[in-house]
Amino acid sequence: MLLLAALAAPAAAAPRSHPLTAEDRAVVSEAEQYLNGIRTLQSKFIQVGPDGRQLGGTFSLSRPGRMRLEYDPPVKDFVVADGTILTYWDGEMEQQSSTPIGSTLAAFILRPDIRLSGDVTVTNVFRGQGAVEVTLLETKDPGKGTLTLVFEDRPFQLRKWRVVDPQGLTTEVALLNPKAGVQFASDFFYFREPARRRDIFK
């Protein structure tokens, strides 16, 4: 299952949340400050799907509202958010599907002011060696699934994220050498339908 399917999946049962300690809340505050400081970012990534299959690609972000996730060949699928609509292109079926950004888990990272409270609930904070994990879900629609952000501890920066869909299937994306402050072309985050095979061979 590719990442968009996990991000845009329909609702199901919600996981339990755990009360946050003062130390947890300090981590959440640091995560908020870091994420709000990102304006543009681009990184190669490795995605590991529920079946263990690995895919590489490029993740591009321009906050607020814009995102592009493209897989390396031969996979032709990609996801693009233009500020309002998130569109997924299924390269195998040569079909597109679109949904408002606000109806997906991706809306969290794309909003102008990222706050890990209110309409988003932090269910768990985990500290490991050199890393911290913050797991969250939508407060009003927790069955959409969970999103776990994994940060390198020092310096504090996003290294990967993990999506668990309503069926309990996990997709993890690890960022490789992310670069902030990237300049993108004005139309980089617009959806353009690729040429279809039947059009190419006419």
N, C-alpha and C. Protein backbone atom coordinates (compact mmCIF):
# COMPACT_ATOMS: atom_id res chain seq x y z
N MET A 1 0.85 -1.19 0.00
CA MET A 1 0.00 0.00 0.00
C MET A 1 0.88 1.24 0.00
N LEU A 2 0.64 2.15 -0.92
CA LEU A 2 1.43 3.37 -0.98
C LEU A 2 0.95 4.38 0.05
N LEU A 3 1.76 5.41 0.26
CA LEU A 3 1.54 6.32 1.38
C LEU A 3 0.20 7.02 1.32
N LEU A 4 -0.25 7.46 0.17
CA LEU A 4 -1.50 8.21 0.12
C LEU A 4 -2.67 7.39 0.62
N ALA A 5 -2.68 6.10 0.25
CA ALA A 5 -3.78 5.25 0.69
C ALA A 5 -3.87 5.23 2.21
N ALA A 6 -2.72 5.24 2.86
CA ALA A 6 -2.72 5.27 4.33
C ALA A 6 -3.17 6.62 4.85
N LEU A 7 -2.75 7.70 4.22
CA LEU A 7 -3.09 9.04 4.69
C LEU A 7 -4.57 9.35 4.51
N ALA A 8 -5.18 8.82 3.46
CA ALA A 8 -6.55 9.21 3.11
C ALA A 8 -7.57 8.12 3.40
N ALA A 9 -7.20 7.11 4.16
CA ALA A 9 -8.08 5.99 4.40
C ALA A 9 -9.29 6.39 5.24
N PRO A 10 -10.43 5.66 5.10
CA PRO A 10 -11.62 5.97 5.89
C PRO A 10 -11.45 5.58 7.36
N ALA A 11 -12.46 5.97 8.15
CA ALA A 11 -12.34 5.84 9.60
C ALA A 11 -12.48 4.40 10.08
N ALA A 12 -11.89 4.15 11.27
CA ALA A 12 -12.01 2.87 11.96
C ALA A 12 -11.82 3.13 13.45
N ALA A 13 -11.66 2.05 14.23
CA ALA A 13 -11.53 2.20 15.68
C ALA A 13 -10.27 2.96 16.04
N ALA A 14 -10.34 3.75 17.12
CA ALA A 14 -9.22 4.60 17.53
C ALA A 14 -8.37 3.91 18.59
N PRO A 15 -7.04 4.16 18.58
CA PRO A 15 -6.18 3.64 19.63
C PRO A 15 -6.35 4.45 20.91
N ARG A 16 -5.93 3.88 22.03
CA ARG A 16 -6.00 4.59 23.30
C ARG A 16 -4.86 5.60 23.40
N SER A 17 -5.14 6.71 24.07
CA SER A 17 -4.11 7.71 24.32
C SER A 17 -3.62 7.57 25.76
N HIS A 18 -2.43 8.12 26.02
CA HIS A 18 -1.83 8.06 27.34
C HIS A 18 -1.64 9.48 27.86
N PRO A 19 -1.87 9.71 29.15
CA PRO A 19 -1.65 11.05 29.71
C PRO A 19 -0.20 11.47 29.50
N LEU A 20 0.00 12.74 29.14
CA LEU A 20 1.35 13.24 28.87
C LEU A 20 1.96 13.80 30.15
N THR A 21 3.23 13.49 30.36
CA THR A 21 3.97 14.04 31.49
C THR A 21 4.49 15.43 31.12
N ALA A 22 5.04 16.13 32.09
CA ALA A 22 5.64 17.44 31.82
C ALA A 22 6.78 17.31 30.82
N GLU A 23 7.54 16.23 30.92
CA GLU A 23 8.64 16.00 29.97
C GLU A 23 8.09 15.75 28.57
N ASP A 24 6.99 15.00 28.49
CA ASP A 24 6.34 14.78 27.20
C ASP A 24 5.91 16.10 26.57
N ARG A 25 5.29 16.95 27.38
CA ARG A 25 4.79 18.22 26.87
C ARG A 25 5.93 19.12 26.39
N ALA A 26 7.09 19.01 27.03
CA ALA A 26 8.26 19.78 26.58
C ALA A 26 8.72 19.30 25.21
N VAL A 27 8.68 17.98 24.99
CA VAL A 27 9.04 17.43 23.68
C VAL A 27 8.05 17.89 22.62
N VAL A 28 6.76 17.85 22.95
CA VAL A 28 5.72 18.29 22.01
C VAL A 28 5.92 19.75 21.65
N SER A 29 6.24 20.59 22.61
CA SER A 29 6.48 22.01 22.35
C SER A 29 7.68 22.20 21.42
N GLU A 30 8.73 21.43 21.64
CA GLU A 30 9.91 21.53 20.78
C GLU A 30 9.59 21.08 19.35
N ALA A 31 8.76 20.03 19.24
CA ALA A 31 8.35 19.56 17.92
C ALA A 31 7.53 20.62 17.20
N GLU A 32 6.62 21.29 17.91
CA GLU A 32 5.83 22.36 17.31
C GLU A 32 6.73 23.48 16.78
N GLN A 33 7.67 23.91 17.59
CA GLN A 33 8.56 24.99 17.19
C GLN A 33 9.38 24.60 15.96
N TYR A 34 9.87 23.38 15.95
CA TYR A 34 10.66 22.91 14.81
C TYR A 34 9.82 22.88 13.54
N LEU A 35 8.64 22.27 13.60
CA LEU A 35 7.80 22.13 12.42
C LEU A 35 7.33 23.48 11.89
N ASN A 36 7.00 24.40 12.78
CA ASN A 36 6.57 25.72 12.34
C ASN A 36 7.71 26.52 11.73
N GLY A 37 8.94 26.13 12.03
CA GLY A 37 10.09 26.81 11.45
C GLY A 37 10.40 26.37 10.03
N ILE A 38 9.80 25.28 9.59
CA ILE A 38 10.03 24.79 8.22
C ILE A 38 9.15 25.57 7.25
N ARG A 39 9.76 26.13 6.23
CA ARG A 39 9.01 26.75 5.15
C ARG A 39 9.11 25.89 3.89
N THR A 40 10.31 25.54 3.49
CA THR A 40 10.48 24.62 2.37
C THR A 40 11.49 23.55 2.77
N LEU A 41 11.28 22.36 2.21
CA LEU A 41 12.16 21.23 2.51
C LEU A 41 12.08 20.24 1.36
N GLN A 42 13.21 19.61 1.06
CA GLN A 42 13.22 18.55 0.05
C GLN A 42 14.18 17.46 0.50
N SER A 43 13.80 16.22 0.24
CA SER A 43 14.63 15.10 0.68
C SER A 43 14.35 13.86 -0.15
N LYS A 44 15.39 13.08 -0.39
CA LYS A 44 15.17 11.72 -0.86
C LYS A 44 14.59 10.92 0.30
N PHE A 45 13.88 9.85 -0.02
CA PHE A 45 13.31 9.04 1.05
C PHE A 45 13.31 7.56 0.68
N ILE A 46 13.21 6.75 1.71
CA ILE A 46 12.98 5.31 1.56
C ILE A 46 11.68 4.99 2.29
N GLN A 47 10.74 4.39 1.57
CA GLN A 47 9.46 3.99 2.16
C GLN A 47 9.42 2.48 2.31
N VAL A 48 8.98 2.03 3.47
CA VAL A 48 8.79 0.60 3.72
C VAL A 48 7.30 0.38 3.95
N GLY A 49 6.69 -0.42 3.09
CA GLY A 49 5.26 -0.66 3.17
C GLY A 49 4.92 -1.79 4.12
N PRO A 50 3.62 -2.06 4.30
CA PRO A 50 3.18 -3.11 5.22
C PRO A 50 3.72 -4.49 4.86
N ASP A 51 3.99 -4.72 3.58
CA ASP A 51 4.50 -6.02 3.14
C ASP A 51 6.03 -6.08 3.15
N GLY A 52 6.68 -5.02 3.63
CA GLY A 52 8.13 -4.99 3.66
C GLY A 52 8.77 -4.48 2.39
N ARG A 53 7.96 -4.19 1.39
CA ARG A 53 8.50 -3.70 0.12
C ARG A 53 9.08 -2.30 0.31
N GLN A 54 10.26 -2.07 -0.25
CA GLN A 54 10.91 -0.77 -0.14
C GLN A 54 10.81 -0.01 -1.46
N LEU A 55 10.49 1.28 -1.34
CA LEU A 55 10.42 2.17 -2.49
C LEU A 55 11.20 3.43 -2.17
N GLY A 56 11.90 3.96 -3.15
CA GLY A 56 12.60 5.22 -2.98
C GLY A 56 11.88 6.33 -3.72
N GLY A 57 12.23 7.56 -3.40
CA GLY A 57 11.62 8.68 -4.08
C GLY A 57 12.10 10.00 -3.52
N THR A 58 11.36 11.06 -3.87
CA THR A 58 11.69 12.41 -3.43
C THR A 58 10.47 13.05 -2.80
N PHE A 59 10.67 13.63 -1.62
CA PHE A 59 9.62 14.34 -0.89
C PHE A 59 9.93 15.82 -0.91
N SER A 60 8.95 16.64 -1.32
CA SER A 60 9.12 18.09 -1.38
C SER A 60 7.99 18.75 -0.61
N LEU A 61 8.33 19.79 0.15
CA LEU A 61 7.35 20.45 1.01
C LEU A 61 7.53 21.96 0.92
N SER A 62 6.42 22.67 0.75
CA SER A 62 6.42 24.13 0.80
C SER A 62 5.22 24.55 1.65
N ARG A 63 5.49 24.90 2.89
CA ARG A 63 4.42 25.27 3.80
C ARG A 63 4.09 26.76 3.67
N PRO A 64 2.78 27.06 3.81
CA PRO A 64 1.68 26.14 4.09
C PRO A 64 1.07 25.55 2.81
N GLY A 65 0.58 24.33 2.92
CA GLY A 65 -0.35 23.80 1.94
C GLY A 65 0.18 22.98 0.78
N ARG A 66 1.49 22.99 0.53
CA ARG A 66 1.98 22.36 -0.69
C ARG A 66 2.96 21.24 -0.40
N MET A 67 2.76 20.15 -1.12
CA MET A 67 3.58 18.96 -0.91
C MET A 67 3.62 18.16 -2.20
N ARG A 68 4.73 17.49 -2.45
CA ARG A 68 4.83 16.58 -3.59
C ARG A 68 5.66 15.37 -3.16
N LEU A 69 5.15 14.20 -3.44
CA LEU A 69 5.83 12.96 -3.12
C LEU A 69 5.85 12.10 -4.37
N GLU A 70 7.05 11.89 -4.92
CA GLU A 70 7.22 11.14 -6.15
C GLU A 70 8.10 9.93 -5.90
N TYR A 71 7.72 8.81 -6.49
CA TYR A 71 8.51 7.59 -6.36
C TYR A 71 9.49 7.46 -7.52
N ASP A 72 10.61 6.81 -7.24
CA ASP A 72 11.60 6.57 -8.28
C ASP A 72 11.08 5.54 -9.27
N PRO A 73 11.52 5.61 -10.56
CA PRO A 73 11.15 4.60 -11.54
C PRO A 73 11.56 3.20 -11.04
N PRO A 74 10.80 2.17 -11.39
CA PRO A 74 9.72 2.18 -12.39
C PRO A 74 8.35 2.58 -11.84
N VAL A 75 8.23 2.86 -10.55
CA VAL A 75 6.93 3.25 -9.99
C VAL A 75 6.56 4.64 -10.50
N LYS A 76 5.35 4.77 -11.03
CA LYS A 76 4.91 6.04 -11.61
C LYS A 76 3.89 6.78 -10.75
N ASP A 77 3.58 6.23 -9.59
CA ASP A 77 2.63 6.89 -8.69
C ASP A 77 3.25 8.16 -8.12
N PHE A 78 2.41 9.15 -7.85
CA PHE A 78 2.87 10.33 -7.12
C PHE A 78 1.68 11.00 -6.43
N VAL A 79 2.02 11.84 -5.45
CA VAL A 79 1.04 12.59 -4.68
C VAL A 79 1.42 14.06 -4.75
N VAL A 80 0.44 14.94 -4.97
CA VAL A 80 0.73 16.37 -4.97
C VAL A 80 -0.40 17.12 -4.28
N ALA A 81 -0.04 18.04 -3.41
CA ALA A 81 -1.00 18.92 -2.74
C ALA A 81 -0.72 20.34 -3.19
N ASP A 82 -1.74 21.03 -3.71
CA ASP A 82 -1.54 22.35 -4.31
C ASP A 82 -1.95 23.51 -3.41
N GLY A 83 -2.25 23.20 -2.15
CA GLY A 83 -2.71 24.23 -1.23
C GLY A 83 -4.16 24.04 -0.83
N THR A 84 -4.91 23.34 -1.67
CA THR A 84 -6.33 23.08 -1.40
C THR A 84 -6.68 21.61 -1.55
N ILE A 85 -6.24 21.02 -2.65
CA ILE A 85 -6.58 19.65 -3.01
C ILE A 85 -5.34 18.77 -2.99
N LEU A 86 -5.50 17.56 -2.47
CA LEU A 86 -4.45 16.55 -2.54
C LEU A 86 -4.84 15.55 -3.62
N THR A 87 -3.97 15.35 -4.61
CA THR A 87 -4.26 14.47 -5.74
C THR A 87 -3.26 13.33 -5.78
N TYR A 88 -3.77 12.13 -5.98
CA TYR A 88 -2.95 10.93 -6.09
C TYR A 88 -3.07 10.40 -7.51
N TRP A 89 -1.92 10.15 -8.14
CA TRP A 89 -1.90 9.56 -9.48
C TRP A 89 -1.46 8.11 -9.35
N ASP A 90 -2.34 7.19 -9.78
CA ASP A 90 -2.04 5.77 -9.81
C ASP A 90 -1.45 5.46 -11.18
N GLY A 91 -0.13 5.29 -11.23
CA GLY A 91 0.54 5.10 -12.51
C GLY A 91 0.20 3.80 -13.19
N GLU A 92 -0.13 2.76 -12.42
CA GLU A 92 -0.47 1.48 -13.01
C GLU A 92 -1.85 1.53 -13.66
N MET A 93 -2.82 2.12 -12.96
CA MET A 93 -4.17 2.22 -13.49
C MET A 93 -4.37 3.44 -14.38
N GLU A 94 -3.39 4.36 -14.34
CA GLU A 94 -3.49 5.63 -15.07
C GLU A 94 -4.77 6.37 -14.70
N GLN A 95 -4.97 6.50 -13.39
CA GLN A 95 -6.15 7.19 -12.86
C GLN A 95 -5.73 8.13 -11.74
N GLN A 96 -6.47 9.22 -11.61
CA GLN A 96 -6.22 10.16 -10.52
C GLN A 96 -7.39 10.13 -9.55
N SER A 97 -7.11 10.41 -8.29
CA SER A 97 -8.15 10.60 -7.29
C SER A 97 -7.76 11.81 -6.46
N SER A 98 -8.74 12.61 -6.10
CA SER A 98 -8.48 13.86 -5.38
C SER A 98 -9.36 13.95 -4.15
N THR A 99 -8.85 14.64 -3.14
CA THR A 99 -9.59 14.85 -1.91
C THR A 99 -9.14 16.16 -1.29
N PRO A 100 -9.99 16.88 -0.59
CA PRO A 100 -9.55 18.09 0.10
C PRO A 100 -8.43 17.77 1.09
N ILE A 101 -7.43 18.61 1.13
CA ILE A 101 -6.30 18.38 2.03
C ILE A 101 -6.79 18.20 3.47
N GLY A 102 -7.80 18.99 3.85
CA GLY A 102 -8.27 18.96 5.22
C GLY A 102 -8.88 17.65 5.65
N SER A 103 -9.22 16.78 4.71
CA SER A 103 -9.82 15.49 5.06
C SER A 103 -8.79 14.39 5.20
N THR A 104 -7.50 14.71 5.13
CA THR A 104 -6.44 13.72 5.22
C THR A 104 -5.51 14.01 6.39
N LEU A 105 -4.75 13.01 6.79
CA LEU A 105 -3.75 13.20 7.84
C LEU A 105 -2.64 14.15 7.38
N ALA A 106 -2.46 14.27 6.06
CA ALA A 106 -1.43 15.17 5.54
C ALA A 106 -1.70 16.62 5.92
N ALA A 107 -2.95 16.95 6.22
CA ALA A 107 -3.31 18.33 6.56
C ALA A 107 -2.53 18.83 7.75
N PHE A 108 -2.17 17.93 8.64
CA PHE A 108 -1.45 18.34 9.85
C PHE A 108 -0.15 19.07 9.53
N ILE A 109 0.66 18.51 8.64
CA ILE A 109 1.97 19.10 8.35
C ILE A 109 1.85 20.28 7.39
N LEU A 110 0.70 20.42 6.71
CA LEU A 110 0.55 21.45 5.68
C LEU A 110 -0.14 22.72 6.19
N ARG A 111 -0.68 22.69 7.38
CA ARG A 111 -1.41 23.86 7.88
C ARG A 111 -0.44 25.00 8.20
N PRO A 112 -0.92 26.25 8.16
CA PRO A 112 -0.03 27.39 8.41
C PRO A 112 0.56 27.40 9.81
N ASP A 113 -0.26 27.03 10.79
CA ASP A 113 0.19 27.06 12.18
C ASP A 113 0.02 25.67 12.77
N ILE A 114 1.12 24.96 12.93
CA ILE A 114 1.07 23.59 13.43
C ILE A 114 0.99 23.60 14.95
N ARG A 115 -0.12 23.05 15.47
CA ARG A 115 -0.27 22.92 16.92
C ARG A 115 -0.67 21.47 17.22
N LEU A 116 0.06 20.87 18.13
CA LEU A 116 -0.20 19.49 18.48
C LEU A 116 -1.21 19.41 19.63
N SER A 117 -2.34 20.09 19.42
CA SER A 117 -3.42 20.12 20.41
C SER A 117 -4.68 20.55 19.68
N GLY A 118 -5.80 20.57 20.39
CA GLY A 118 -7.05 21.01 19.77
C GLY A 118 -7.60 19.94 18.84
N ASP A 119 -7.55 20.20 17.53
CA ASP A 119 -8.09 19.23 16.58
C ASP A 119 -7.14 18.07 16.33
N VAL A 120 -5.94 18.13 16.92
CA VAL A 120 -4.98 17.03 16.87
C VAL A 120 -4.68 16.61 18.31
N THR A 121 -4.67 15.32 18.55
CA THR A 121 -4.37 14.80 19.89
C THR A 121 -3.09 13.99 19.87
N VAL A 122 -2.17 14.32 20.75
CA VAL A 122 -0.96 13.51 20.92
C VAL A 122 -1.30 12.34 21.83
N THR A 123 -1.13 11.14 21.32
CA THR A 123 -1.49 9.94 22.09
C THR A 123 -0.30 9.32 22.80
N ASN A 124 0.92 9.63 22.34
CA ASN A 124 2.08 9.01 22.97
C ASN A 124 3.35 9.78 22.60
N VAL A 125 4.27 9.86 23.55
CA VAL A 125 5.61 10.38 23.30
C VAL A 125 6.60 9.32 23.77
N PHE A 126 7.48 8.91 22.88
CA PHE A 126 8.45 7.86 23.20
C PHE A 126 9.86 8.39 23.00
N ARG A 127 10.72 8.13 23.96
CA ARG A 127 12.12 8.54 23.87
C ARG A 127 13.00 7.32 23.72
N GLY A 128 13.80 7.33 22.65
CA GLY A 128 14.77 6.27 22.45
C GLY A 128 16.16 6.87 22.45
N GLN A 129 17.16 6.07 22.12
CA GLN A 129 18.53 6.56 22.10
C GLN A 129 18.72 7.50 20.92
N GLY A 130 18.88 8.79 21.21
CA GLY A 130 19.14 9.77 20.17
C GLY A 130 17.93 10.17 19.36
N ALA A 131 16.73 9.75 19.77
CA ALA A 131 15.53 10.05 18.99
C ALA A 131 14.31 10.14 19.89
N VAL A 132 13.30 10.87 19.42
CA VAL A 132 12.01 10.92 20.11
C VAL A 132 10.91 10.72 19.08
N GLU A 133 9.82 10.09 19.51
CA GLU A 133 8.68 9.84 18.64
C GLU A 133 7.44 10.48 19.24
N VAL A 134 6.67 11.15 18.38
CA VAL A 134 5.41 11.77 18.80
C VAL A 134 4.30 11.19 17.93
N THR A 135 3.34 10.52 18.56
CA THR A 135 2.24 9.90 17.84
C THR A 135 0.98 10.73 18.03
N LEU A 136 0.27 10.97 16.93
CA LEU A 136 -0.92 11.82 16.99
C LEU A 136 -2.02 11.31 16.08
N LEU A 137 -3.21 11.82 16.32
CA LEU A 137 -4.37 11.50 15.50
C LEU A 137 -5.32 12.69 15.51
N GLU A 138 -6.32 12.64 14.63
CA GLU A 138 -7.33 13.69 14.60
C GLU A 138 -8.28 13.51 15.77
N THR A 139 -8.50 14.58 16.51
CA THR A 139 -9.33 14.51 17.71
C THR A 139 -10.77 14.11 17.38
N LYS A 140 -11.35 14.72 16.35
CA LYS A 140 -12.76 14.47 16.02
C LYS A 140 -12.96 13.21 15.18
N ASP A 141 -11.92 12.73 14.53
CA ASP A 141 -12.05 11.56 13.66
C ASP A 141 -10.84 10.65 13.86
N PRO A 142 -10.68 10.11 15.07
CA PRO A 142 -9.47 9.35 15.38
C PRO A 142 -9.33 8.06 14.59
N GLY A 143 -10.42 7.59 14.01
CA GLY A 143 -10.35 6.35 13.26
C GLY A 143 -9.66 6.45 11.92
N LYS A 144 -9.27 7.66 11.51
CA LYS A 144 -8.55 7.79 10.24
C LYS A 144 -7.18 7.13 10.29
N GLY A 145 -6.68 6.89 11.48
CA GLY A 145 -5.35 6.31 11.62
C GLY A 145 -4.46 7.21 12.45
N THR A 146 -3.22 6.78 12.64
CA THR A 146 -2.28 7.56 13.43
C THR A 146 -1.07 7.94 12.59
N LEU A 147 -0.46 9.04 12.98
CA LEU A 147 0.76 9.53 12.36
C LEU A 147 1.80 9.68 13.46
N THR A 148 2.93 9.02 13.31
CA THR A 148 4.03 9.13 14.27
C THR A 148 5.19 9.85 13.61
N LEU A 149 5.61 10.95 14.22
CA LEU A 149 6.76 11.71 13.74
C LEU A 149 7.98 11.31 14.56
N VAL A 150 9.06 10.98 13.87
CA VAL A 150 10.29 10.55 14.54
C VAL A 150 11.35 11.63 14.32
N PHE A 151 11.85 12.18 15.42
CA PHE A 151 12.82 13.26 15.36
C PHE A 151 14.17 12.79 15.89
N GLU A 152 15.23 13.21 15.21
CA GLU A 152 16.56 13.09 15.79
C GLU A 152 16.61 14.05 16.98
N ASP A 153 17.22 13.61 18.07
CA ASP A 153 17.17 14.39 19.30
C ASP A 153 18.07 15.62 19.26
N ARG A 154 19.31 15.48 18.87
CA ARG A 154 20.25 16.60 18.83
C ARG A 154 21.14 16.51 17.60
N PRO A 155 20.99 17.43 16.66
CA PRO A 155 20.03 18.54 16.66
C PRO A 155 18.61 18.02 16.40
N PHE A 156 17.63 18.74 16.91
CA PHE A 156 16.24 18.32 16.79
C PHE A 156 15.79 18.52 15.35
N GLN A 157 15.50 17.42 14.64
CA GLN A 157 15.04 17.51 13.26
C GLN A 157 14.29 16.25 12.86
N LEU A 158 13.35 16.41 11.93
CA LEU A 158 12.52 15.30 11.48
C LEU A 158 13.34 14.33 10.65
N ARG A 159 13.25 13.04 11.00
CA ARG A 159 13.99 12.02 10.28
C ARG A 159 13.08 11.00 9.59
N LYS A 160 11.91 10.76 10.14
CA LYS A 160 11.00 9.81 9.49
C LYS A 160 9.59 10.03 10.03
N TRP A 161 8.63 9.44 9.35
CA TRP A 161 7.27 9.37 9.88
C TRP A 161 6.69 8.01 9.60
N ARG A 162 5.68 7.67 10.39
CA ARG A 162 5.07 6.35 10.31
C ARG A 162 3.55 6.53 10.33
N VAL A 163 2.87 5.95 9.36
CA VAL A 163 1.41 6.02 9.28
C VAL A 163 0.83 4.63 9.53
N VAL A 164 -0.12 4.55 10.45
CA VAL A 164 -0.87 3.31 10.67
C VAL A 164 -2.29 3.56 10.20
N ASP A 165 -2.74 2.78 9.22
CA ASP A 165 -4.06 3.02 8.64
C ASP A 165 -5.15 2.34 9.46
N PRO A 166 -6.43 2.54 9.11
CA PRO A 166 -7.52 1.97 9.91
C PRO A 166 -7.50 0.45 10.00
N GLN A 167 -6.82 -0.21 9.06
CA GLN A 167 -6.71 -1.67 9.11
C GLN A 167 -5.52 -2.13 9.96
N GLY A 168 -4.77 -1.16 10.51
CA GLY A 168 -3.62 -1.51 11.33
C GLY A 168 -2.35 -1.73 10.54
N LEU A 169 -2.36 -1.40 9.25
CA LEU A 169 -1.18 -1.58 8.40
C LEU A 169 -0.27 -0.36 8.51
N THR A 170 1.03 -0.62 8.58
CA THR A 170 2.00 0.44 8.83
C THR A 170 2.84 0.73 7.59
N THR A 171 2.98 2.01 7.29
CA THR A 171 3.87 2.49 6.24
C THR A 171 4.83 3.49 6.87
N GLU A 172 6.14 3.28 6.65
CA GLU A 172 7.15 4.16 7.24
C GLU A 172 7.98 4.82 6.15
N VAL A 173 8.24 6.10 6.32
CA VAL A 173 9.04 6.87 5.37
C VAL A 173 10.21 7.49 6.12
N ALA A 174 11.43 7.16 5.68
CA ALA A 174 12.65 7.71 6.29
C ALA A 174 13.25 8.73 5.34
N LEU A 175 13.55 9.92 5.86
CA LEU A 175 14.15 10.98 5.05
C LEU A 175 15.66 10.82 5.03
N LEU A 176 16.25 11.05 3.86
CA LEU A 176 17.69 10.91 3.67
C LEU A 176 18.28 12.28 3.33
N ASN A 177 19.06 12.84 4.25
CA ASN A 177 19.71 14.13 4.04
C ASN A 177 18.73 15.23 3.62
N PRO A 178 17.71 15.50 4.43
CA PRO A 178 16.76 16.56 4.08
C PRO A 178 17.43 17.93 4.03
N LYS A 179 16.99 18.75 3.07
CA LYS A 179 17.54 20.10 2.90
C LYS A 179 16.42 21.12 3.02
N ALA A 180 16.60 22.10 3.89
CA ALA A 180 15.62 23.16 4.08
C ALA A 180 15.99 24.37 3.23
N GLY A 181 15.02 25.27 3.04
CA GLY A 181 15.28 26.50 2.29
C GLY A 181 15.40 26.30 0.79
N VAL A 182 14.78 25.25 0.27
CA VAL A 182 14.85 24.94 -1.17
C VAL A 182 13.91 25.86 -1.94
N GLN A 183 14.35 26.31 -3.12
CA GLN A 183 13.52 27.13 -4.00
C GLN A 183 12.83 26.23 -5.02
N PHE A 184 11.51 26.35 -5.14
CA PHE A 184 10.74 25.55 -6.09
C PHE A 184 10.16 26.44 -7.17
N ALA A 185 10.01 25.89 -8.38
CA ALA A 185 9.32 26.60 -9.45
C ALA A 185 7.88 26.88 -9.04
N SER A 186 7.31 27.95 -9.57
CA SER A 186 5.96 28.38 -9.15
C SER A 186 4.89 27.33 -9.43
N ASP A 187 5.12 26.48 -10.43
CA ASP A 187 4.12 25.47 -10.80
C ASP A 187 4.50 24.07 -10.33
N PHE A 188 5.50 23.96 -9.47
CA PHE A 188 6.01 22.65 -9.07
C PHE A 188 4.95 21.81 -8.36
N PHE A 189 4.05 22.46 -7.63
CA PHE A 189 3.07 21.74 -6.84
C PHE A 189 1.70 21.69 -7.52
N TYR A 190 1.64 21.95 -8.82
CA TYR A 190 0.41 21.78 -9.57
C TYR A 190 0.33 20.36 -10.10
N PHE A 191 -0.88 19.80 -10.13
CA PHE A 191 -1.05 18.47 -10.71
C PHE A 191 -1.14 18.56 -12.22
N ARG A 192 -0.32 17.77 -12.89
CA ARG A 192 -0.40 17.62 -14.34
C ARG A 192 -0.53 16.13 -14.64
N GLU A 193 -1.57 15.79 -15.37
CA GLU A 193 -1.79 14.38 -15.69
C GLU A 193 -0.71 13.90 -16.65
N PRO A 194 0.01 12.84 -16.32
CA PRO A 194 1.03 12.31 -17.23
C PRO A 194 0.39 11.78 -18.51
N ALA A 195 1.18 11.70 -19.57
CA ALA A 195 0.70 11.12 -20.82
C ALA A 195 0.34 9.66 -20.58
N ARG A 196 -0.81 9.26 -21.07
CA ARG A 196 -1.24 7.87 -20.91
C ARG A 196 -0.60 7.00 -21.98
N ARG A 197 -0.47 5.70 -21.68
CA ARG A 197 0.18 4.79 -22.62
C ARG A 197 -0.55 4.75 -23.95
N ARG A 198 -1.88 4.77 -23.91
CA ARG A 198 -2.63 4.69 -25.16
C ARG A 198 -2.44 5.95 -26.01
N ASP A 199 -2.14 7.09 -25.33
CA ASP A 199 -1.88 8.32 -26.08
C ASP A 199 -0.49 8.29 -26.69
N ILE A 200 0.46 7.71 -25.97
CA ILE A 200 1.84 7.66 -26.46
C ILE A 200 1.95 6.81 -27.71
N PHE A 201 1.19 5.71 -27.76
CA PHE A 201 1.35 4.76 -28.86
C PHE A 201 0.32 4.94 -29.97
N LYS A 202 -0.37 6.07 -29.98
CA LYS A 202 -1.31 6.33 -31.08
C LYS A 202 -0.54 6.50 -32.39
